Amino acid sequence: MRRTSLLRARRTSLACARGATSAHAQRTSPPGTRRTALACALGAVALTAGLAARAARRRLVVVTVEGRSMAPTFQDGDRVLVRRRTLADVRNGDIVVLEPPSTGEYLAAPPPGADGPARTIWNVKRVAALPGDPIPDGVPADAGTVPPGRLAVFGDNPDSIDSRQRGLYSGERLLGVVLRRLGGG
């Protein structure tokens, strides 16, 4: 039976390669060839769906919110859908996901009991200022405007640890922009 299905698959692929899906071939062909045309069409649909899913996986990421820095907008355990973006694609007010600065007083500590390989710690914050914008009040900085490649971010919760404590974040550490909440944990 396996040999029969392999032969049928070969015949189907040969018929697809010969163009058995044309309208003329379907009208003038015996019924078996119509099934071949249907198999070709279904194969094309499956291939297209697979390629679309693969492209979406490269552009979209699901991130779980940890902590209360974005309350009341997001709660601990909420999952958010993130579209990968560069700093040039971000606007003031966007909610972004980015890695915290790797230096300074408020370093992100690994989660308690994390024995395995190190995982990336993501911050979910709202963009307060982009390159060329005035630096918001309370953000430690040497200049009056945000320099190229940097951004200021705030949490929606007033007790959030953000640019007011950590300074400006690097645009190179930006994962993307939050599109929507997917649900809680």
Protein backbone atom coordinates (compact mmCIF):
# COMPACT_ATOMS: atom_id res chain seq x y z
CA MET A 1 0.00 0.00 0.00
CA ARG A 2 2.86 2.36 0.78
CA ARG A 3 4.37 1.73 -2.66
CA THR A 4 1.01 2.53 -4.28
CA SER A 5 0.70 5.85 -2.46
CA LEU A 6 4.28 6.77 -3.40
CA LEU A 7 3.53 6.04 -7.06
CA ARG A 8 0.34 8.10 -6.83
CA ALA A 9 2.31 10.99 -5.27
CA ARG A 10 4.86 10.83 -8.09
CA ARG A 11 2.11 10.83 -10.71
CA THR A 12 0.46 13.80 -8.99
CA SER A 13 3.68 15.80 -8.89
CA LEU A 14 4.37 14.98 -12.56
CA ALA A 15 0.87 16.05 -13.52
CA CYS A 16 1.31 19.32 -11.59
CA ALA A 17 4.59 19.92 -13.37
CA ARG A 18 2.92 19.33 -16.75
CA GLY A 19 0.25 21.93 -15.96
CA ALA A 20 -2.75 19.65 -15.45
CA THR A 21 -4.47 22.45 -13.53
CA SER A 22 -5.42 24.46 -16.62
CA ALA A 23 -9.11 24.82 -17.37
CA HIS A 24 -8.71 23.12 -20.79
CA ALA A 25 -6.94 20.12 -19.22
CA GLN A 26 -9.74 19.79 -16.65
CA ARG A 27 -12.53 19.82 -19.29
CA THR A 28 -10.90 17.36 -21.66
CA SER A 29 -9.22 15.03 -19.16
CA PRO A 30 -10.58 11.85 -17.63
CA PRO A 31 -11.90 12.12 -14.04
CA GLY A 32 -8.61 10.87 -12.51
CA THR A 33 -6.78 13.90 -13.86
CA ARG A 34 -9.31 16.22 -12.25
CA ARG A 35 -8.39 14.69 -8.90
CA THR A 36 -4.76 15.36 -9.76
CA ALA A 37 -5.59 19.00 -10.47
CA LEU A 38 -7.41 19.22 -7.14
CA ALA A 39 -4.39 17.69 -5.38
CA CYS A 40 -2.14 20.27 -7.09
CA ALA A 41 -4.40 23.11 -5.97
CA LEU A 42 -4.58 21.82 -2.39
CA GLY A 43 -0.81 21.38 -2.34
CA ALA A 44 -0.34 24.96 -3.51
CA VAL A 45 -2.72 26.24 -0.81
CA ALA A 46 -0.88 24.24 1.88
CA LEU A 47 2.49 25.53 0.68
CA THR A 48 1.25 29.13 0.66
CA ALA A 49 -0.20 28.76 4.17
CA GLY A 50 3.07 27.28 5.42
CA LEU A 51 5.13 30.10 3.93
CA ALA A 52 2.77 32.71 5.41
CA ALA A 53 3.02 31.12 8.86
CA ARG A 54 6.80 31.08 8.61
CA ALA A 55 6.90 34.76 7.63
CA ALA A 56 4.58 35.66 10.53
CA ARG A 57 6.84 33.83 13.00
CA ARG A 58 9.75 36.01 11.92
CA ARG A 59 7.78 39.23 12.37
CA LEU A 60 5.58 38.43 15.38
CA VAL A 61 6.54 37.36 18.90
CA VAL A 62 4.46 36.57 21.99
CA VAL A 63 5.86 38.01 25.24
CA THR A 64 4.54 37.41 28.76
CA VAL A 65 4.35 40.51 30.96
CA GLU A 66 6.16 40.01 34.28
CA GLY A 67 5.67 42.53 37.06
CA ARG A 68 3.43 45.55 37.54
CA SER A 69 5.35 48.31 35.76
CA MET A 70 2.66 48.65 33.06
CA ALA A 71 -0.38 48.42 35.37
CA PRO A 72 -3.18 49.23 34.79
CA THR A 73 -2.63 48.76 31.02
CA PHE A 74 -1.12 45.27 31.42
CA GLN A 75 -1.12 43.00 34.45
CA ASP A 76 1.45 40.45 35.56
CA GLY A 77 0.92 37.32 33.44
CA ASP A 78 -0.73 39.04 30.46
CA ARG A 79 0.56 37.86 27.11
CA VAL A 80 1.10 40.44 24.37
CA LEU A 81 1.63 40.12 20.63
CA VAL A 82 4.71 42.04 19.49
CA ARG A 83 5.65 43.03 15.94
CA ARG A 84 9.41 43.22 15.47
CA ARG A 85 10.41 46.81 14.70
CA THR A 86 13.49 49.00 14.63
CA LEU A 87 13.81 52.33 16.42
CA ALA A 88 13.01 54.15 13.16
CA ASP A 89 9.54 52.49 13.13
CA VAL A 90 8.57 53.53 16.68
CA ARG A 91 6.46 56.56 17.64
CA ASN A 92 5.98 58.39 20.92
CA GLY A 93 3.29 56.69 22.98
CA ASP A 94 3.90 53.22 21.48
CA ILE A 95 4.21 50.38 23.95
CA VAL A 96 7.47 48.59 23.21
CA VAL A 97 9.37 45.52 24.35
CA LEU A 98 13.09 45.98 24.86
CA GLU A 99 16.01 44.73 26.90
CA PRO A 100 16.97 46.89 29.88
CA PRO A 101 20.37 48.59 29.99
CA SER A 102 23.18 46.20 30.92
CA THR A 103 24.84 48.67 33.28
CA GLY A 104 23.73 50.86 36.15
CA GLU A 105 22.20 50.63 39.58
CA TYR A 106 18.94 48.95 38.53
CA LEU A 107 20.23 45.89 36.70
CA ALA A 108 17.68 43.23 35.84
CA ALA A 109 18.34 40.26 38.10
CA PRO A 110 17.76 36.72 36.83
CA PRO A 111 14.52 35.20 38.10
CA PRO A 112 14.80 33.30 41.39
CA GLY A 113 15.71 29.65 40.92
CA ALA A 114 16.83 30.09 37.30
CA ASP A 115 19.29 27.21 36.93
CA GLY A 116 19.22 26.67 33.17
CA PRO A 117 20.72 28.78 30.41
CA ALA A 118 20.26 32.53 30.81
CA ARG A 119 17.10 33.83 29.19
CA THR A 120 16.55 37.31 27.86
CA ILE A 121 14.73 39.61 30.25
CA TRP A 122 12.34 41.91 28.42
CA ASN A 123 10.89 45.20 29.64
CA VAL A 124 7.45 46.33 28.48
CA LYS A 125 7.32 50.15 28.54
CA ARG A 126 5.70 53.15 26.84
CA VAL A 127 7.89 55.38 24.64
CA ALA A 128 8.28 58.84 26.19
CA ALA A 129 10.91 60.33 23.85
CA LEU A 130 12.72 59.39 20.65
CA PRO A 131 15.99 60.65 19.11
CA GLY A 132 15.86 64.43 18.71
CA ASP A 133 13.01 64.87 21.25
CA PRO A 134 13.58 66.84 24.46
CA ILE A 135 14.58 64.58 27.34
CA PRO A 136 11.57 64.14 29.66
CA ASP A 137 11.69 65.50 33.22
CA GLY A 138 13.29 63.14 35.69
CA VAL A 139 15.43 61.25 33.15
CA PRO A 140 19.17 61.52 33.93
CA ALA A 141 21.05 62.64 30.82
CA ASP A 142 23.98 64.77 29.72
CA ALA A 143 22.22 66.56 26.85
CA GLY A 144 18.91 68.38 26.38
CA THR A 145 17.69 66.09 23.61
CA VAL A 146 17.64 62.33 23.15
CA PRO A 147 20.74 61.33 21.15
CA PRO A 148 20.55 59.14 18.02
CA GLY A 149 20.03 55.45 18.72
CA ARG A 150 18.50 56.02 22.18
CA LEU A 151 14.99 56.40 23.62
CA ALA A 152 13.30 57.22 26.91
CA VAL A 153 10.62 54.84 28.15
CA PHE A 154 8.24 54.97 31.12
CA GLY A 155 6.07 52.36 32.74
CA ASP A 156 2.38 53.22 33.17
CA ASN A 157 2.67 52.45 36.90
CA PRO A 158 4.20 55.40 38.80
CA ASP A 159 6.37 52.91 40.76
CA SER A 160 7.90 51.50 37.56
CA ILE A 161 11.67 51.24 37.16
CA ASP A 162 12.26 52.85 33.78
CA SER A 163 14.26 55.66 32.15
CA ARG A 164 13.79 57.81 35.28
CA GLN A 165 16.07 55.38 37.14
CA ARG A 166 18.00 53.61 34.37
CA GLY A 167 18.53 56.50 31.96
CA LEU A 168 18.06 56.26 28.22
CA TYR A 169 17.62 52.82 26.65
CA SER A 170 19.49 51.70 23.54
CA GLY A 171 17.43 51.39 20.36
CA GLU A 172 19.55 48.36 19.43
CA ARG A 173 17.96 46.45 22.32
CA LEU A 174 14.44 47.03 21.00
CA LEU A 175 12.45 43.88 20.15
CA GLY A 176 9.34 45.58 18.77
CA VAL A 177 5.98 47.27 19.30
CA VAL A 178 3.08 45.70 21.19
CA LEU A 179 0.10 45.17 18.89
CA ARG A 180 -2.42 43.80 21.40
CA ARG A 181 -3.04 41.79 24.56
CA LEU A 182 -3.62 38.08 24.00
CA GLY A 183 -4.82 37.22 27.49
CA GLY A 184 -3.69 36.62 31.05
CA GLY A 185 -1.99 33.79 32.82
